[in-house]
Each structure stands twice: as structure tokens, then as C-alpha cells.
Amino acid sequence: MTVSTVQSDATVDQVRGFNRFYTRVLGLLRPQLVGSAFGLTEARVLYELAHADQVAVSELRSALDLDAGYLSRLLSRFIAAGLVEREQSAVDGRRQVVRLTPSGRAAFDELDALQTDAIERLIDPLDEAQRTALVTAMGRIRRVLDGAAPGALILRPPAPGDLGWVVERHGARYAAEYGWDVGFEALVARIVADFADRRDTTSQAAWIAELDGERVGCVFCTASDTPGTAQLRLLLVEPHARGAGVGTRLVDECLRFARRAGYTRIMLWTNDVLLAARRIYERAGFHLDRSEPHTSFGRELVGEYWSRDL
């Protein structure tokens, strides 16, 4: 059995285990279990109708992936109960549209309140950090499985706990992607410690990038050994956030700060294996000044010095 087969089997087992767990959680939130008279499919239909003035029956069937006959019978029951009304479309006489009646709206509002209460009871034991972690994980699952667009990107100054995260993520990511040893994590720790010790907000700054409340990247701008020249350091973007423009935003923010701080030039040091970062630097107007081979972090590398005017 190959390594990839073993990994694939392990992933399948993890997904199946999560599915069993999540199915139990969802069961607690089913309409009938929270005190509603409606079943799950009925609740889904009411939800779709409650969020539109009117919906074509064909579009409703497609959105919910329901059998045409089953949906027709369900709508007929709703119409008989006075919850839904159906008529021909004013735009296309061949199509039928449905909408909630005032009674249907009241029934949905009651169902919505019951399910909201059930969710609040479910998350009530969680503290703020746990709630953020829960929502963040849900967003990541949607992006990975459904190709959902990333949420709002926020760049903010480091808060307590962020500097430790910068060190940990650099150590973990570079070990996983490039096989670098603990020597790199030690270097990052020294850079971060020096930044924190200086407590200088006029000539240095750092930013943490967040997507949907999750930390996904960082960058630092510090003074270099050359007067009037800033240094861009510790650019990092987590793999699942790449392609969302996080790295570009971080570098742009670093350049803006360097200009405001009065620097006339900015430089950085990187290695030729960091291809994605090099592309970001090139797009930001940096050019390669020189390269030199070195042995660091347990690897034979080619270090590169890049710079640009501000």
C-alpha cells in the first residue's frame, strides 16, 4: 500500500467520523425536535420562500434539489393550510410562482425563532474564543469543499498572543513546505523579540491578516542597518488563504507605512525557493540586487537581496 493510499484512507475515515458527529449535532436542530410542526424539507421550503417576494416553482425545485412530484404535493399541502399561494407568472405564463401568505410568514417566523433558540443553547457553553474558532472552521470548510469566496480580509496590528503565533506558524510552515529545521524558527523568534523590545511605533510596524476572523498571514516593517532604508520581514500567508490577495495586501501596507515613516528605500532578504513570495515582490516593484549561496536551517540555499525606491 502506497503512502498516498494510506493518507487517502485516513482522510476518508476522518471525513466519515466528522459526518457522523455533525449529523448528530444537526439532529438536535431539526425543526420537529425544536418544537416545530414542520419537517426538515418543509422547513427548507419555507426558508426559501421567506427570503424572496416570490419564487418560480421550477427555481425552487432546482435550488432544493427536490423531486418535482414531491415538491408539488408539499406545496399543495401548504396551499390547503393557507401558508402559501400559487399563481401564474406575470412575466411568463408557462411558469408558476409561489409566495408565503401572512399566515405562512408567521409560521416561518415561529420556526426561525425556535431554531435560533436551539442554536443559542448549543453554543451557550462556548466562550468568545471558542465561538470564533467554530465560525472560522465552518468558513474554512465551505471554502475548501464548495469553492466559496473568502470573506472580508482585515489587516490589523498585532495583539497579545499574535507574536507567538508568528513564530509558531513560520516554524511549522517552513518545516512542512521546505524541510527547514528549528534554526529558522529560532531566527524568527529573535526578529520578533527584537521588534517587541523596541516598542517603537514610528519607525517599525507589523500587521496580522485575518480572513473570517482567522489569522492567515503577517508581515513586519523594521529599520535596516542602512539609514533611510526600511526592511520588509516575515511575510507569511497560510496555504489555504493563498490566491486571495493576502500577500499583496500585506506588502502594499508595508510599503505605505515605510513611506509615511520617512524611509526613501526598502529592502528585503529571501531565498530563491520561495517562489510565491518572489512573485509578490516583483509585482510590488522590488528588483533583485544580488544572490549568494548559504547553508542554513539544515539546507543548501541561495539567499537573495531585493530592494526598491519608495
C-alpha atoms as a PDB file:
ATOM      1  CA  MET A   1       0.000   0.000   0.000  1.00  0.00           C
ATOM      2  CA  THR A   2       1.412   3.375  -1.014  1.00  0.00           C
ATOM      3  CA  VAL A   3       1.787   6.372   1.291  1.00  0.00           C
ATOM      4  CA  SER A   4      -0.804   8.286  -0.757  1.00  0.00           C
ATOM      5  CA  THR A   5      -3.290   5.413  -0.372  1.00  0.00           C
ATOM      6  CA  VAL A   6      -2.773   5.348   3.390  1.00  0.00           C
ATOM      7  CA  GLN A   7      -3.241   9.119   3.571  1.00  0.00           C
ATOM      8  CA  SER A   8      -6.373   8.911   1.413  1.00  0.00           C
ATOM      9  CA  ASP A   9      -7.866   6.172   3.608  1.00  0.00           C
ATOM     10  CA  ALA A  10      -7.094   8.206   6.724  1.00  0.00           C
ATOM     11  CA  THR A  11      -8.781  11.269   5.201  1.00  0.00           C
ATOM     12  CA  VAL A  12     -11.873   9.247   4.311  1.00  0.00           C
ATOM     13  CA  ASP A  13     -12.058   7.906   7.870  1.00  0.00           C
ATOM     14  CA  GLN A  14     -11.737  11.424   9.292  1.00  0.00           C
ATOM     15  CA  VAL A  15     -14.473  12.771   6.995  1.00  0.00           C
ATOM     16  CA  ARG A  16     -16.792   9.890   7.846  1.00  0.00           C
ATOM     17  CA  GLY A  17     -16.175  10.371  11.559  1.00  0.00           C
ATOM     18  CA  PHE A  18     -16.874  14.081  11.311  1.00  0.00           C
ATOM     19  CA  ASN A  19     -20.006  13.389   9.274  1.00  0.00           C
ATOM     20  CA  ARG A  20     -21.370  11.041  11.970  1.00  0.00           C
ATOM     21  CA  PHE A  21     -20.647  13.621  14.665  1.00  0.00           C
ATOM     22  CA  TYR A  22     -22.122  16.541  12.722  1.00  0.00           C
ATOM     23  CA  THR A  23     -25.218  14.559  11.782  1.00  0.00           C
ATOM     24  CA  ARG A  24     -25.898  14.079  15.496  1.00  0.00           C
ATOM     25  CA  VAL A  25     -25.455  17.824  16.080  1.00  0.00           C
ATOM     26  CA  LEU A  26     -27.756  18.705  13.189  1.00  0.00           C
ATOM     27  CA  GLY A  27     -30.316  16.272  14.544  1.00  0.00           C
ATOM     28  CA  LEU A  28     -30.626  18.433  17.640  1.00  0.00           C
ATOM     29  CA  LEU A  29     -31.534  21.379  15.398  1.00  0.00           C
ATOM     30  CA  ARG A  30     -34.152  19.644  13.255  1.00  0.00           C
ATOM     31  CA  PRO A  31     -37.430  21.594  13.176  1.00  0.00           C
ATOM     32  CA  GLN A  32     -39.589  18.912  14.786  1.00  0.00           C
ATOM     33  CA  LEU A  33     -37.047  18.343  17.574  1.00  0.00           C
ATOM     34  CA  VAL A  34     -37.008  22.044  18.490  1.00  0.00           C
ATOM     35  CA  GLY A  35     -40.806  22.077  18.839  1.00  0.00           C
ATOM     36  CA  SER A  36     -41.941  22.901  15.296  1.00  0.00           C
ATOM     37  CA  ALA A  37     -44.742  21.116  13.466  1.00  0.00           C
ATOM     38  CA  PHE A  38     -42.678  21.082  10.253  1.00  0.00           C
ATOM     39  CA  GLY A  39     -40.232  18.511   8.970  1.00  0.00           C
ATOM     40  CA  LEU A  40     -36.790  19.319   7.631  1.00  0.00           C
ATOM     41  CA  THR A  41     -37.769  19.561   3.937  1.00  0.00           C
ATOM     42  CA  GLU A  42     -40.837  21.627   4.775  1.00  0.00           C
ATOM     43  CA  ALA A  43     -38.655  23.984   6.767  1.00  0.00           C
ATOM     44  CA  ARG A  44     -36.241  24.335   3.841  1.00  0.00           C
ATOM     45  CA  VAL A  45     -39.100  25.298   1.519  1.00  0.00           C
ATOM     46  CA  LEU A  46     -40.430  27.861   3.999  1.00  0.00           C
ATOM     47  CA  TYR A  47     -36.931  29.319   4.374  1.00  0.00           C
ATOM     48  CA  GLU A  48     -36.510  29.808   0.623  1.00  0.00           C
ATOM     49  CA  LEU A  49     -39.936  31.416   0.302  1.00  0.00           C
ATOM     50  CA  ALA A  50     -39.358  33.648   3.324  1.00  0.00           C
ATOM     51  CA  HIS A  51     -36.262  35.163   1.709  1.00  0.00           C
ATOM     52  CA  ALA A  52     -37.906  36.217  -1.566  1.00  0.00           C
ATOM     53  CA  ASP A  53     -41.057  38.066  -2.581  1.00  0.00           C
ATOM     54  CA  GLN A  54     -41.978  35.182  -4.848  1.00  0.00           C
ATOM     55  CA  VAL A  55     -40.192  32.175  -6.335  1.00  0.00           C
ATOM     56  CA  ALA A  56     -40.822  30.249  -9.527  1.00  0.00           C
ATOM     57  CA  VAL A  57     -41.684  26.648  -8.713  1.00  0.00           C
ATOM     58  CA  SER A  58     -39.038  25.402 -11.154  1.00  0.00           C
ATOM     59  CA  GLU A  59     -36.373  27.551  -9.462  1.00  0.00           C
ATOM     60  CA  LEU A  60     -37.442  26.348  -6.029  1.00  0.00           C
ATOM     61  CA  ARG A  61     -37.180  22.737  -7.165  1.00  0.00           C
ATOM     62  CA  SER A  62     -33.700  23.361  -8.569  1.00  0.00           C
ATOM     63  CA  ALA A  63     -32.461  25.250  -5.503  1.00  0.00           C
ATOM     64  CA  LEU A  64     -33.564  22.487  -3.127  1.00  0.00           C
ATOM     65  CA  ASP A  65     -32.844  19.573  -5.498  1.00  0.00           C
ATOM     66  CA  LEU A  66     -36.298  18.066  -4.900  1.00  0.00           C
ATOM     67  CA  ASP A  67     -38.362  15.688  -6.989  1.00  0.00           C
ATOM     68  CA  ALA A  68     -40.985  17.651  -8.948  1.00  0.00           C
ATOM     69  CA  GLY A  69     -43.856  15.467  -7.795  1.00  0.00           C
ATOM     70  CA  TYR A  70     -42.799  15.585  -4.147  1.00  0.00           C
ATOM     71  CA  LEU A  71     -42.456  19.384  -4.202  1.00  0.00           C
ATOM     72  CA  SER A  72     -45.850  19.740  -5.893  1.00  0.00           C
ATOM     73  CA  ARG A  73     -47.548  17.664  -3.175  1.00  0.00           C
ATOM     74  CA  LEU A  74     -45.771  19.606  -0.429  1.00  0.00           C
ATOM     75  CA  LEU A  75     -46.805  22.962  -1.916  1.00  0.00           C
ATOM     76  CA  SER A  76     -50.382  21.716  -2.281  1.00  0.00           C
ATOM     77  CA  ARG A  77     -50.443  20.923   1.448  1.00  0.00           C
ATOM     78  CA  PHE A  78     -49.109  24.386   2.236  1.00  0.00           C
ATOM     79  CA  ILE A  79     -51.733  25.993  -0.010  1.00  0.00           C
ATOM     80  CA  ALA A  80     -54.535  23.974   1.637  1.00  0.00           C
ATOM     81  CA  ALA A  81     -53.246  25.102   5.040  1.00  0.00           C
ATOM     82  CA  GLY A  82     -53.268  28.737   3.931  1.00  0.00           C
ATOM     83  CA  LEU A  83     -49.483  29.123   4.226  1.00  0.00           C
ATOM     84  CA  VAL A  84     -48.653  29.544   0.527  1.00  0.00           C
ATOM     85  CA  GLU A  85     -50.381  30.964  -2.525  1.00  0.00           C
ATOM     86  CA  ARG A  86     -49.625  29.996  -6.108  1.00  0.00           C
ATOM     87  CA  GLU A  87     -50.324  31.790  -9.393  1.00  0.00           C
ATOM     88  CA  GLN A  88     -49.065  32.115 -12.954  1.00  0.00           C
ATOM     89  CA  SER A  89     -46.015  34.270 -13.507  1.00  0.00           C
ATOM     90  CA  ALA A  90     -46.809  37.742 -14.830  1.00  0.00           C
ATOM     91  CA  VAL A  91     -43.660  37.554 -16.960  1.00  0.00           C
ATOM     92  CA  ASP A  92     -44.039  34.031 -18.329  1.00  0.00           C
ATOM     93  CA  GLY A  93     -47.494  32.463 -18.351  1.00  0.00           C
ATOM     94  CA  ARG A  94     -45.977  28.992 -18.660  1.00  0.00           C
ATOM     95  CA  ARG A  95     -44.410  29.274 -15.217  1.00  0.00           C
ATOM     96  CA  GLN A  96     -45.976  29.200 -11.779  1.00  0.00           C
ATOM     97  CA  VAL A  97     -44.746  31.287  -8.864  1.00  0.00           C
ATOM     98  CA  VAL A  98     -45.359  30.786  -5.146  1.00  0.00           C
ATOM     99  CA  ARG A  99     -45.148  33.108  -2.156  1.00  0.00           C
ATOM    100  CA  LEU A 100     -45.868  32.997   1.548  1.00  0.00           C
ATOM    101  CA  THR A 101     -49.196  34.278   2.831  1.00  0.00           C
ATOM    102  CA  PRO A 102     -49.275  36.318   6.061  1.00  0.00           C
ATOM    103  CA  SER A 103     -50.042  33.056   7.871  1.00  0.00           C
ATOM    104  CA  GLY A 104     -47.100  31.408   6.147  1.00  0.00           C
ATOM    105  CA  ARG A 105     -44.835  34.279   7.190  1.00  0.00           C
ATOM    106  CA  ALA A 106     -45.996  33.923  10.803  1.00  0.00           C
ATOM    107  CA  ALA A 107     -45.360  30.160  10.687  1.00  0.00           C
ATOM    108  CA  PHE A 108     -41.842  30.721   9.367  1.00  0.00           C
ATOM    109  CA  ASP A 109     -41.089  33.396  11.989  1.00  0.00           C
ATOM    110  CA  GLU A 110     -42.097  30.962  14.742  1.00  0.00           C
ATOM    111  CA  LEU A 111     -39.927  28.200  13.225  1.00  0.00           C
ATOM    112  CA  ASP A 112     -36.998  30.606  12.817  1.00  0.00           C
ATOM    113  CA  ALA A 113     -37.246  31.695  16.458  1.00  0.00           C
ATOM    114  CA  LEU A 114     -37.327  28.078  17.673  1.00  0.00           C
ATOM    115  CA  GLN A 115     -34.224  27.151  15.685  1.00  0.00           C
ATOM    116  CA  THR A 116     -32.416  30.329  16.751  1.00  0.00           C
ATOM    117  CA  ASP A 117     -33.096  29.437  20.385  1.00  0.00           C
ATOM    118  CA  ALA A 118     -31.804  25.898  19.776  1.00  0.00           C
ATOM    119  CA  ILE A 119     -28.551  27.202  18.252  1.00  0.00           C
ATOM    120  CA  GLU A 120     -28.097  29.661  21.113  1.00  0.00           C
ATOM    121  CA  ARG A 121     -28.453  26.795  23.607  1.00  0.00           C
ATOM    122  CA  LEU A 122     -25.916  24.776  21.611  1.00  0.00           C
ATOM    123  CA  ILE A 123     -23.235  27.493  21.652  1.00  0.00           C
ATOM    124  CA  ASP A 124     -24.058  28.924  25.094  1.00  0.00           C
ATOM    125  CA  PRO A 125     -21.288  26.902  26.859  1.00  0.00           C
ATOM    126  CA  LEU A 126     -18.644  28.290  24.448  1.00  0.00           C
ATOM    127  CA  ASP A 127     -16.554  31.324  25.316  1.00  0.00           C
ATOM    128  CA  GLU A 128     -15.769  34.058  22.780  1.00  0.00           C
ATOM    129  CA  ALA A 129     -12.568  32.393  21.564  1.00  0.00           C
ATOM    130  CA  GLN A 130     -14.351  29.068  21.052  1.00  0.00           C
ATOM    131  CA  ARG A 131     -17.190  30.728  19.157  1.00  0.00           C
ATOM    132  CA  THR A 132     -14.699  32.476  16.882  1.00  0.00           C
ATOM    133  CA  ALA A 133     -12.888  29.185  16.300  1.00  0.00           C
ATOM    134  CA  LEU A 134     -16.184  27.464  15.462  1.00  0.00           C
ATOM    135  CA  VAL A 135     -17.278  30.069  12.910  1.00  0.00           C
ATOM    136  CA  THR A 136     -13.778  30.218  11.425  1.00  0.00           C
ATOM    137  CA  ALA A 137     -13.680  26.448  10.957  1.00  0.00           C
ATOM    138  CA  MET A 138     -17.104  26.491   9.307  1.00  0.00           C
ATOM    139  CA  GLY A 139     -15.940  29.164   6.880  1.00  0.00           C
ATOM    140  CA  ARG A 140     -12.816  27.195   6.026  1.00  0.00           C
ATOM    141  CA  ILE A 141     -14.801  24.016   5.347  1.00  0.00           C
ATOM    142  CA  ARG A 142     -17.111  25.929   2.997  1.00  0.00           C
ATOM    143  CA  ARG A 143     -14.173  27.444   1.119  1.00  0.00           C
ATOM    144  CA  VAL A 144     -12.395  24.101   0.745  1.00  0.00           C
ATOM    145  CA  LEU A 145     -15.382  21.962  -0.273  1.00  0.00           C
ATOM    146  CA  ASP A 146     -17.632  24.452  -2.041  1.00  0.00           C
ATOM    147  CA  GLY A 147     -15.117  26.879  -3.502  1.00  0.00           C
ATOM    148  CA  ALA A 148     -16.811  29.657  -1.574  1.00  0.00           C
ATOM    149  CA  ALA A 149     -15.186  33.053  -1.938  1.00  0.00           C
ATOM    150  CA  PRO A 150     -13.072  34.180   1.010  1.00  0.00           C
ATOM    151  CA  GLY A 151     -14.704  36.543   3.452  1.00  0.00           C
ATOM    152  CA  ALA A 152     -13.555  40.002   4.425  1.00  0.00           C
ATOM    153  CA  LEU A 153      -9.789  40.475   4.679  1.00  0.00           C
ATOM    154  CA  ILE A 154      -8.680  42.574   7.642  1.00  0.00           C
ATOM    155  CA  LEU A 155      -5.173  43.828   8.361  1.00  0.00           C
ATOM    156  CA  ARG A 156      -4.574  44.840  11.967  1.00  0.00           C
ATOM    157  CA  PRO A 157      -1.678  45.484  14.362  1.00  0.00           C
ATOM    158  CA  PRO A 158      -0.527  42.539  16.477  1.00  0.00           C
ATOM    159  CA  ALA A 159      -2.486  41.894  19.672  1.00  0.00           C
ATOM    160  CA  PRO A 160      -1.354  39.846  22.685  1.00  0.00           C
ATOM    161  CA  GLY A 161      -0.678  36.303  21.518  1.00  0.00           C
ATOM    162  CA  ASP A 162      -0.095  37.257  17.876  1.00  0.00           C
ATOM    163  CA  LEU A 163       3.708  37.461  18.078  1.00  0.00           C
ATOM    164  CA  GLY A 164       3.884  33.918  19.443  1.00  0.00           C
ATOM    165  CA  TRP A 165       1.614  32.840  16.580  1.00  0.00           C
ATOM    166  CA  VAL A 166       4.013  34.448  14.058  1.00  0.00           C
ATOM    167  CA  VAL A 167       6.933  32.422  15.426  1.00  0.00           C
ATOM    168  CA  GLU A 168       4.970  29.169  15.604  1.00  0.00           C
ATOM    169  CA  ARG A 169       3.482  29.443  12.109  1.00  0.00           C
ATOM    170  CA  HIS A 170       6.820  30.313  10.492  1.00  0.00           C
ATOM    171  CA  GLY A 171       8.452  27.319  12.166  1.00  0.00           C
ATOM    172  CA  ALA A 172       5.658  24.924  11.230  1.00  0.00           C
ATOM    173  CA  ARG A 173       5.087  26.162   7.682  1.00  0.00           C
ATOM    174  CA  TYR A 174       8.715  26.274   6.580  1.00  0.00           C
ATOM    175  CA  ALA A 175       9.373  22.854   8.077  1.00  0.00           C
ATOM    176  CA  ALA A 176       6.354  21.401   6.263  1.00  0.00           C
ATOM    177  CA  GLU A 177       6.960  23.073   2.891  1.00  0.00           C
ATOM    178  CA  TYR A 178      10.757  23.280   2.681  1.00  0.00           C
ATOM    179  CA  GLY A 179      12.127  20.973   5.353  1.00  0.00           C
ATOM    180  CA  TRP A 180      13.818  23.782   7.277  1.00  0.00           C
ATOM    181  CA  ASP A 181      14.945  22.894  10.785  1.00  0.00           C
ATOM    182  CA  VAL A 182      14.416  24.623  14.120  1.00  0.00           C
ATOM    183  CA  GLY A 183      17.198  27.090  13.317  1.00  0.00           C
ATOM    184  CA  PHE A 184      14.745  29.069  11.183  1.00  0.00           C
ATOM    185  CA  GLU A 185      12.187  29.213  13.962  1.00  0.00           C
ATOM    186  CA  ALA A 186      14.925  30.474  16.279  1.00  0.00           C
ATOM    187  CA  LEU A 187      15.780  33.245  13.794  1.00  0.00           C
ATOM    188  CA  VAL A 188      12.133  34.291  13.568  1.00  0.00           C
ATOM    189  CA  ALA A 189      11.887  34.298  17.362  1.00  0.00           C
ATOM    190  CA  ARG A 190      14.871  36.665  17.610  1.00  0.00           C
ATOM    191  CA  ILE A 191      13.405  39.027  15.000  1.00  0.00           C
ATOM    192  CA  VAL A 192      10.043  39.082  16.740  1.00  0.00           C
ATOM    193  CA  ALA A 193      11.639  39.566  20.179  1.00  0.00           C
ATOM    194  CA  ASP A 194      13.711  42.497  18.899  1.00  0.00           C
ATOM    195  CA  PHE A 195      10.591  44.044  17.382  1.00  0.00           C
ATOM    196  CA  ALA A 196       8.680  43.722  20.662  1.00  0.00           C
ATOM    197  CA  ASP A 197      11.563  45.028  22.775  1.00  0.00           C
ATOM    198  CA  ARG A 198      11.935  48.220  20.731  1.00  0.00           C
ATOM    199  CA  ARG A 199       8.320  49.324  21.310  1.00  0.00           C
ATOM    200  CA  ASP A 200       8.854  51.856  18.508  1.00  0.00           C
ATOM    201  CA  THR A 201       5.722  52.704  16.545  1.00  0.00           C
ATOM    202  CA  THR A 202       7.295  55.463  14.455  1.00  0.00           C
ATOM    203  CA  SER A 203       9.945  53.507  12.569  1.00  0.00           C
ATOM    204  CA  GLN A 204       8.549  49.967  12.686  1.00  0.00           C
ATOM    205  CA  ALA A 205       5.189  48.242  12.379  1.00  0.00           C
ATOM    206  CA  ALA A 206       3.624  44.816  11.857  1.00  0.00           C
ATOM    207  CA  TRP A 207       0.305  43.545  10.554  1.00  0.00           C
ATOM    208  CA  ILE A 208      -1.734  40.410  11.092  1.00  0.00           C
ATOM    209  CA  ALA A 209      -4.037  39.408   8.225  1.00  0.00           C
ATOM    210  CA  GLU A 210      -7.401  37.876   9.108  1.00  0.00           C
ATOM    211  CA  LEU A 211      -9.970  36.150   6.892  1.00  0.00           C
ATOM    212  CA  ASP A 212     -13.327  35.467   8.530  1.00  0.00           C
ATOM    213  CA  GLY A 213     -11.736  36.131  11.921  1.00  0.00           C
ATOM    214  CA  GLU A 214      -8.895  33.642  11.366  1.00  0.00           C
ATOM    215  CA  ARG A 215      -5.220  34.649  11.337  1.00  0.00           C
ATOM    216  CA  VAL A 216      -3.877  33.785   7.893  1.00  0.00           C
ATOM    217  CA  GLY A 217      -0.785  35.955   7.390  1.00  0.00           C
ATOM    218  CA  CYS A 218       1.617  38.579   8.647  1.00  0.00           C
ATOM    219  CA  VAL A 219       4.374  40.981   7.648  1.00  0.00           C
ATOM    220  CA  PHE A 220       6.789  43.263   9.522  1.00  0.00           C
ATOM    221  CA  CYS A 221       8.435  46.550   8.553  1.00  0.00           C
ATOM    222  CA  THR A 222      11.552  47.476  10.527  1.00  0.00           C
ATOM    223  CA  ALA A 223      14.576  49.743  10.199  1.00  0.00           C
ATOM    224  CA  SER A 224      17.570  48.259   8.385  1.00  0.00           C
ATOM    225  CA  ASP A 225      21.255  48.880   9.082  1.00  0.00           C
ATOM    226  CA  THR A 226      21.287  51.454   6.254  1.00  0.00           C
ATOM    227  CA  PRO A 227      19.994  54.933   7.201  1.00  0.00           C
ATOM    228  CA  GLY A 228      16.785  55.848   5.347  1.00  0.00           C
ATOM    229  CA  THR A 229      16.138  52.230   4.320  1.00  0.00           C
ATOM    230  CA  ALA A 230      13.350  50.089   5.760  1.00  0.00           C
ATOM    231  CA  GLN A 231      13.316  46.298   5.764  1.00  0.00           C
ATOM    232  CA  LEU A 232      10.337  44.091   4.921  1.00  0.00           C
ATOM    233  CA  ARG A 233      10.439  40.957   7.056  1.00  0.00           C
ATOM    234  CA  LEU A 234       8.496  37.810   7.956  1.00  0.00           C
ATOM    235  CA  LEU A 235       5.935  37.812   5.156  1.00  0.00           C
ATOM    236  CA  LEU A 236       3.760  34.745   5.637  1.00  0.00           C
ATOM    237  CA  VAL A 237       0.471  33.587   4.100  1.00  0.00           C
ATOM    238  CA  GLU A 238      -1.167  30.339   5.165  1.00  0.00           C
ATOM    239  CA  PRO A 239      -1.691  27.878   2.275  1.00  0.00           C
ATOM    240  CA  HIS A 240      -5.494  27.868   2.432  1.00  0.00           C
ATOM    241  CA  ALA A 241      -5.536  31.691   2.107  1.00  0.00           C
ATOM    242  CA  ARG A 242      -3.202  31.916  -0.881  1.00  0.00           C
ATOM    243  CA  GLY A 243      -4.760  33.263  -4.048  1.00  0.00           C
ATOM    244  CA  ALA A 244      -6.988  35.664  -2.102  1.00  0.00           C
ATOM    245  CA  GLY A 245      -4.590  38.600  -2.422  1.00  0.00           C
ATOM    246  CA  VAL A 246      -3.430  38.400   1.197  1.00  0.00           C
ATOM    247  CA  GLY A 247       0.300  38.597   0.425  1.00  0.00           C
ATOM    248  CA  THR A 248      -0.139  41.534  -1.941  1.00  0.00           C
ATOM    249  CA  ARG A 249      -2.223  43.456   0.607  1.00  0.00           C
ATOM    250  CA  LEU A 250       0.366  42.863   3.320  1.00  0.00           C
ATOM    251  CA  VAL A 251       3.260  44.045   1.153  1.00  0.00           C
ATOM    252  CA  ASP A 252       1.312  47.097  -0.023  1.00  0.00           C
ATOM    253  CA  GLU A 253       0.545  48.039   3.584  1.00  0.00           C
ATOM    254  CA  CYS A 254       4.209  47.663   4.468  1.00  0.00           C
ATOM    255  CA  LEU A 255       5.212  49.995   1.610  1.00  0.00           C
ATOM    256  CA  ARG A 256       2.643  52.609   2.645  1.00  0.00           C
ATOM    257  CA  PHE A 257       3.911  52.622   6.211  1.00  0.00           C
ATOM    258  CA  ALA A 258       7.548  52.898   5.100  1.00  0.00           C
ATOM    259  CA  ARG A 259       6.712  55.975   3.018  1.00  0.00           C
ATOM    260  CA  ARG A 260       4.773  57.594   5.885  1.00  0.00           C
ATOM    261  CA  ALA A 261       7.645  56.860   8.270  1.00  0.00           C
ATOM    262  CA  GLY A 262      10.020  58.820   6.032  1.00  0.00           C
ATOM    263  CA  TYR A 263      12.043  55.987   4.530  1.00  0.00           C
ATOM    264  CA  THR A 264      13.258  56.538   0.965  1.00  0.00           C
ATOM    265  CA  ARG A 265      14.092  52.923   0.184  1.00  0.00           C
ATOM    266  CA  ILE A 266      13.058  49.452   1.330  1.00  0.00           C
ATOM    267  CA  MET A 267      14.891  46.129   1.112  1.00  0.00           C
ATOM    268  CA  LEU A 268      14.278  42.502   1.994  1.00  0.00           C
ATOM    269  CA  TRP A 269      16.098  39.200   2.237  1.00  0.00           C
ATOM    270  CA  THR A 270      14.572  35.993   0.938  1.00  0.00           C
ATOM    271  CA  ASN A 271      15.588  32.705  -0.661  1.00  0.00           C
ATOM    272  CA  ASP A 272      15.168  31.566  -4.241  1.00  0.00           C
ATOM    273  CA  VAL A 273      12.968  28.598  -3.274  1.00  0.00           C
ATOM    274  CA  LEU A 274      10.232  30.946  -2.043  1.00  0.00           C
ATOM    275  CA  LEU A 275       8.693  31.332  -5.488  1.00  0.00           C
ATOM    276  CA  ALA A 276       5.278  32.701  -4.481  1.00  0.00           C
ATOM    277  CA  ALA A 277       6.837  35.390  -2.293  1.00  0.00           C
ATOM    278  CA  ARG A 278       9.280  36.368  -5.056  1.00  0.00           C
ATOM    279  CA  ARG A 279       6.361  36.902  -7.453  1.00  0.00           C
ATOM    280  CA  ILE A 280       4.662  39.174  -4.932  1.00  0.00           C
ATOM    281  CA  TYR A 281       7.864  41.207  -4.522  1.00  0.00           C
ATOM    282  CA  GLU A 282       8.283  41.557  -8.276  1.00  0.00           C
ATOM    283  CA  ARG A 283       4.702  42.792  -8.690  1.00  0.00           C
ATOM    284  CA  ALA A 284       5.298  45.289  -5.892  1.00  0.00           C
ATOM    285  CA  GLY A 285       8.222  46.822  -7.788  1.00  0.00           C
ATOM    286  CA  PHE A 286      11.149  45.169  -5.990  1.00  0.00           C
ATOM    287  CA  HIS A 287      14.174  44.110  -8.035  1.00  0.00           C
ATOM    288  CA  LEU A 288      16.849  41.540  -7.241  1.00  0.00           C
ATOM    289  CA  ASP A 289      20.130  43.171  -6.203  1.00  0.00           C
ATOM    290  CA  ARG A 290      22.296  40.123  -5.552  1.00  0.00           C
ATOM    291  CA  SER A 291      22.265  36.425  -4.681  1.00  0.00           C
ATOM    292  CA  GLU A 292      24.579  34.341  -2.554  1.00  0.00           C
ATOM    293  CA  PRO A 293      24.580  30.643  -1.627  1.00  0.00           C
ATOM    294  CA  HIS A 294      24.490  29.728   2.052  1.00  0.00           C
ATOM    295  CA  THR A 295      23.931  26.755   4.301  1.00  0.00           C
ATOM    296  CA  SER A 296      21.197  27.495   6.810  1.00  0.00           C
ATOM    297  CA  PHE A 297      18.253  25.791   8.511  1.00  0.00           C
ATOM    298  CA  GLY A 298      19.616  22.378   7.526  1.00  0.00           C
ATOM    299  CA  ARG A 299      19.527  23.113   3.785  1.00  0.00           C
ATOM    300  CA  GLU A 300      21.737  24.381   0.966  1.00  0.00           C
ATOM    301  CA  LEU A 301      20.044  27.620  -0.102  1.00  0.00           C
ATOM    302  CA  VAL A 302      20.514  30.674  -2.298  1.00  0.00           C
ATOM    303  CA  GLY A 303      19.789  33.871  -0.420  1.00  0.00           C
ATOM    304  CA  GLU A 304      18.537  36.903  -2.319  1.00  0.00           C
ATOM    305  CA  TYR A 305      18.573  40.606  -1.528  1.00  0.00           C
ATOM    306  CA  TRP A 306      15.787  42.662  -3.105  1.00  0.00           C
ATOM    307  CA  SER A 307      15.047  46.380  -2.888  1.00  0.00           C
ATOM    308  CA  ARG A 308      13.134  49.302  -4.389  1.00  0.00           C
ATOM    309  CA  ASP A 309      12.833  53.068  -4.023  1.00  0.00           C
ATOM    310  CA  LEU A 310       9.841  54.495  -2.200  1.00  0.00           C
END
